[in-house]
């Protein structure tokens, strides 16, 4: 009975932390921060073009990276904007939606990763809470940062790989490796450190 009470308490605390994180990332998402920066605008426009034509702003068909002003960026974030743009139109909210959503889900992924490493719900809850209220994480979640989206896939991927190794079950390994592979298409940095780890 006490064990069930502790599980319910941990779940309620984690759910509360998650809801606070969602609020901090979605409240007035269209207007804060004010205006889109160039990378956000490019991600949204490419998402719109991919939705309409299957091509990016350079007329490349279903690209894995796109060139803008001499800079090559992965197009993973642009693909994530397709559904929000379809639902809400091409605007600040739909462009920022994937970042805010995956930023919120990073709270749960960090809980899972910390729990798999430390085997302590208290430490895992503290980790989730710190991510939920981290000013750095909130700002990046609200401004369509590719780094933050790739971070979600990296954290989730390693959490699932660790669970697979711990439980000796392949059902966690396959989605974990898939999540790590997806991170390669969100930002360049995971291409270096994920294989090393």
Protein backbone atom coordinates (compact mmCIF):
# COMPACT_ATOMS: atom_id res chain seq x y z
CA UNK A 1 0.00 0.00 0.00
CA UNK A 2 2.82 2.41 0.88
CA UNK A 3 4.62 1.55 -2.40
CA UNK A 4 1.45 2.32 -4.39
CA UNK A 5 1.08 5.63 -2.54
CA UNK A 6 4.70 6.55 -3.38
CA UNK A 7 4.14 5.68 -7.08
CA UNK A 8 1.00 7.82 -7.21
CA UNK A 9 2.73 10.69 -5.42
CA UNK A 10 5.67 10.55 -7.85
CA UNK A 11 3.29 10.48 -10.81
CA UNK A 12 1.30 13.47 -9.50
CA UNK A 13 4.48 15.45 -8.85
CA UNK A 14 5.85 14.64 -12.32
CA UNK A 15 2.53 15.55 -13.94
CA UNK A 16 2.50 18.87 -12.04
CA UNK A 17 6.06 19.63 -13.13
CA UNK A 18 5.16 18.76 -16.72
CA UNK A 19 2.09 21.02 -16.69
CA UNK A 20 4.17 23.92 -15.32
CA UNK A 21 6.71 23.27 -18.08
CA UNK A 22 3.99 23.27 -20.75
CA UNK A 23 2.58 26.55 -19.42
CA UNK A 24 6.00 28.23 -19.40
CA UNK A 25 6.66 27.13 -22.96
CA UNK A 26 3.25 27.76 -24.56
CA UNK A 27 1.90 30.86 -22.76
CA UNK A 28 1.72 33.67 -25.37
CA UNK A 29 3.93 31.63 -27.71
CA UNK A 30 2.92 33.74 -30.72
CA UNK A 31 4.11 37.00 -29.18
CA UNK A 32 6.92 36.12 -26.75
CA UNK A 33 9.65 36.48 -27.92
CA UNK A 34 8.53 39.30 -30.17
CA UNK A 35 8.95 38.52 -33.86
CA UNK A 36 10.68 35.63 -35.57
CA UNK A 37 14.46 35.52 -35.92
CA UNK A 38 15.89 34.50 -39.29
CA UNK A 39 16.34 30.79 -38.47
CA UNK A 40 12.74 30.54 -37.20
CA UNK A 41 11.42 32.23 -40.34
CA UNK A 42 13.45 29.95 -42.59
CA UNK A 43 12.21 26.85 -40.74
CA UNK A 44 8.60 27.98 -41.06
CA UNK A 45 8.86 28.98 -44.72
CA UNK A 46 10.59 25.71 -45.62
CA UNK A 47 7.93 23.79 -43.70
CA UNK A 48 5.25 25.64 -45.67
CA UNK A 49 6.98 24.94 -49.00
CA UNK A 50 7.43 21.27 -48.07
CA UNK A 51 3.73 21.08 -47.21
CA UNK A 52 2.66 22.70 -50.47
CA UNK A 53 5.16 21.28 -52.97
CA UNK A 54 7.45 18.74 -51.29
CA UNK A 55 10.34 21.09 -52.04
CA UNK A 56 12.28 23.59 -49.92
CA UNK A 57 12.95 27.28 -50.66
CA UNK A 58 15.82 26.24 -52.97
CA UNK A 59 13.47 23.95 -54.95
CA UNK A 60 15.20 20.78 -53.65
CA UNK A 61 12.82 17.83 -53.40
CA UNK A 62 12.46 16.48 -49.82
CA UNK A 63 15.92 17.71 -48.74
CA UNK A 64 17.86 16.54 -45.68
CA UNK A 65 19.59 19.90 -45.48
CA UNK A 66 19.02 23.26 -47.09
CA UNK A 67 21.27 26.17 -47.98
CA UNK A 68 20.32 29.68 -46.86
CA UNK A 69 22.71 32.61 -47.26
CA UNK A 70 25.66 30.21 -47.67
CA UNK A 71 24.80 28.30 -44.48
CA UNK A 72 23.68 24.67 -44.67
CA UNK A 73 21.16 23.57 -42.06
CA UNK A 74 19.43 20.23 -41.46
CA UNK A 75 15.76 20.38 -42.44
CA UNK A 76 14.44 18.17 -39.63
CA UNK A 77 12.80 21.10 -37.85
CA UNK A 78 11.11 22.22 -41.07
CA UNK A 79 9.53 18.79 -41.44
CA UNK A 80 8.24 19.06 -37.86
CA UNK A 81 6.48 22.33 -38.71
CA UNK A 82 4.43 20.79 -41.55
CA UNK A 83 1.56 19.51 -39.37
CA UNK A 84 1.24 22.67 -37.20
CA UNK A 85 1.30 24.83 -40.34
CA UNK A 86 -1.41 22.63 -41.87
CA UNK A 87 -3.52 22.98 -38.70
CA UNK A 88 -2.87 26.61 -37.71
CA UNK A 89 -1.59 28.28 -40.89
CA UNK A 90 1.84 29.82 -41.47
CA UNK A 91 2.40 32.04 -38.42
CA UNK A 92 4.59 32.45 -35.35
CA UNK A 93 2.62 29.91 -33.30
CA UNK A 94 2.80 27.10 -35.84
CA UNK A 95 6.50 27.76 -36.51
CA UNK A 96 7.32 27.66 -32.79
CA UNK A 97 4.93 24.83 -31.89
CA UNK A 98 7.34 21.88 -32.46
CA UNK A 99 10.04 23.52 -30.33
CA UNK A 100 7.64 24.25 -27.48
CA UNK A 101 6.11 20.76 -27.64
CA UNK A 102 9.42 18.89 -27.76
CA UNK A 103 10.85 21.26 -25.16
CA UNK A 104 7.97 20.28 -22.88
CA UNK A 105 8.47 16.57 -23.63
CA UNK A 106 12.17 16.94 -22.77
CA UNK A 107 11.02 17.30 -19.15
CA UNK A 108 9.65 13.74 -19.25
CA UNK A 109 12.64 12.44 -21.22
CA UNK A 110 15.06 13.90 -18.68
CA UNK A 111 13.07 12.27 -15.87
CA UNK A 112 13.38 8.93 -17.65
CA UNK A 113 17.10 9.34 -18.36
CA UNK A 114 17.91 10.43 -14.79
CA UNK A 115 15.83 7.58 -13.37
CA UNK A 116 17.64 5.04 -15.55
CA UNK A 117 21.04 6.36 -14.43
CA UNK A 118 20.51 7.06 -10.71
CA UNK A 119 17.62 4.68 -9.90
CA UNK A 120 16.11 7.40 -7.69
CA UNK A 121 12.71 8.98 -8.28
CA UNK A 122 13.65 11.95 -6.10
CA UNK A 123 16.70 12.77 -8.22
CA UNK A 124 14.71 12.16 -11.43
CA UNK A 125 11.93 14.49 -10.25
CA UNK A 126 14.50 17.14 -9.32
CA UNK A 127 16.05 16.81 -12.79
CA UNK A 128 12.63 17.19 -14.45
CA UNK A 129 11.83 20.21 -12.27
CA UNK A 130 15.13 21.94 -13.08
CA UNK A 131 14.60 21.42 -16.81
CA UNK A 132 10.99 22.66 -16.51
CA UNK A 133 12.00 25.99 -14.92
CA UNK A 134 15.41 26.46 -16.59
CA UNK A 135 15.38 29.92 -18.22
CA UNK A 136 17.81 28.71 -20.91
CA UNK A 137 15.58 25.78 -21.80
CA UNK A 138 12.39 27.85 -21.74
CA UNK A 139 13.81 30.54 -24.04
CA UNK A 140 15.15 27.99 -26.53
CA UNK A 141 11.86 26.06 -26.43
CA UNK A 142 9.95 29.20 -27.31
CA UNK A 143 12.17 30.25 -30.22
CA UNK A 144 12.28 27.23 -32.55
CA UNK A 145 15.85 26.26 -31.77
CA UNK A 146 17.08 23.21 -33.66
CA UNK A 147 19.57 22.54 -30.86
CA UNK A 148 16.79 22.08 -28.35
CA UNK A 149 14.79 19.78 -30.60
CA UNK A 150 17.85 17.61 -31.22
CA UNK A 151 18.46 17.58 -27.45
CA UNK A 152 15.03 16.01 -26.91
CA UNK A 153 15.81 13.16 -29.30
CA UNK A 154 19.27 12.64 -27.76
CA UNK A 155 17.96 12.52 -24.17
CA UNK A 156 15.06 10.24 -25.09
CA UNK A 157 17.32 8.01 -27.18
CA UNK A 158 19.89 7.48 -24.44
CA UNK A 159 17.17 6.96 -21.82
CA UNK A 160 15.66 4.17 -23.92
CA UNK A 161 19.06 2.62 -24.71
CA UNK A 162 19.94 2.58 -21.00
CA UNK A 163 16.57 1.01 -20.17
CA UNK A 164 17.20 -1.61 -22.84
CA UNK A 165 20.62 -2.46 -21.42
CA UNK A 166 19.26 -2.57 -17.88
CA UNK A 167 16.22 -4.72 -18.69
CA UNK A 168 17.87 -6.69 -21.51
CA UNK A 169 14.86 -5.98 -23.76
CA UNK A 170 15.15 -5.00 -27.39
CA UNK A 171 11.76 -3.23 -27.31
CA UNK A 172 13.49 -0.19 -25.77
CA UNK A 173 16.65 -0.43 -27.89
CA UNK A 174 15.00 -0.03 -31.30
CA UNK A 175 13.08 3.21 -30.51
CA UNK A 176 16.15 4.47 -28.60
CA UNK A 177 18.46 4.02 -31.58
CA UNK A 178 15.80 5.47 -33.87
CA UNK A 179 15.49 8.55 -31.64
CA UNK A 180 19.28 9.02 -31.67
CA UNK A 181 19.29 8.68 -35.47
CA UNK A 182 16.54 11.33 -35.79
CA UNK A 183 18.70 13.74 -33.76
CA UNK A 184 21.23 13.70 -36.65
CA UNK A 185 18.65 15.38 -38.88
CA UNK A 186 17.77 18.09 -36.36
CA UNK A 187 21.22 19.58 -35.74
CA UNK A 188 24.84 18.82 -36.63
CA UNK A 189 26.32 18.41 -33.13
CA UNK A 190 24.74 14.99 -32.34
CA UNK A 191 26.53 13.61 -35.42
CA UNK A 192 29.77 14.04 -33.49
CA UNK A 193 29.05 13.10 -29.87
CA UNK A 194 26.25 10.51 -30.18
CA UNK A 195 28.42 7.92 -31.98
CA UNK A 196 31.25 8.59 -29.51
CA UNK A 197 28.96 7.94 -26.56
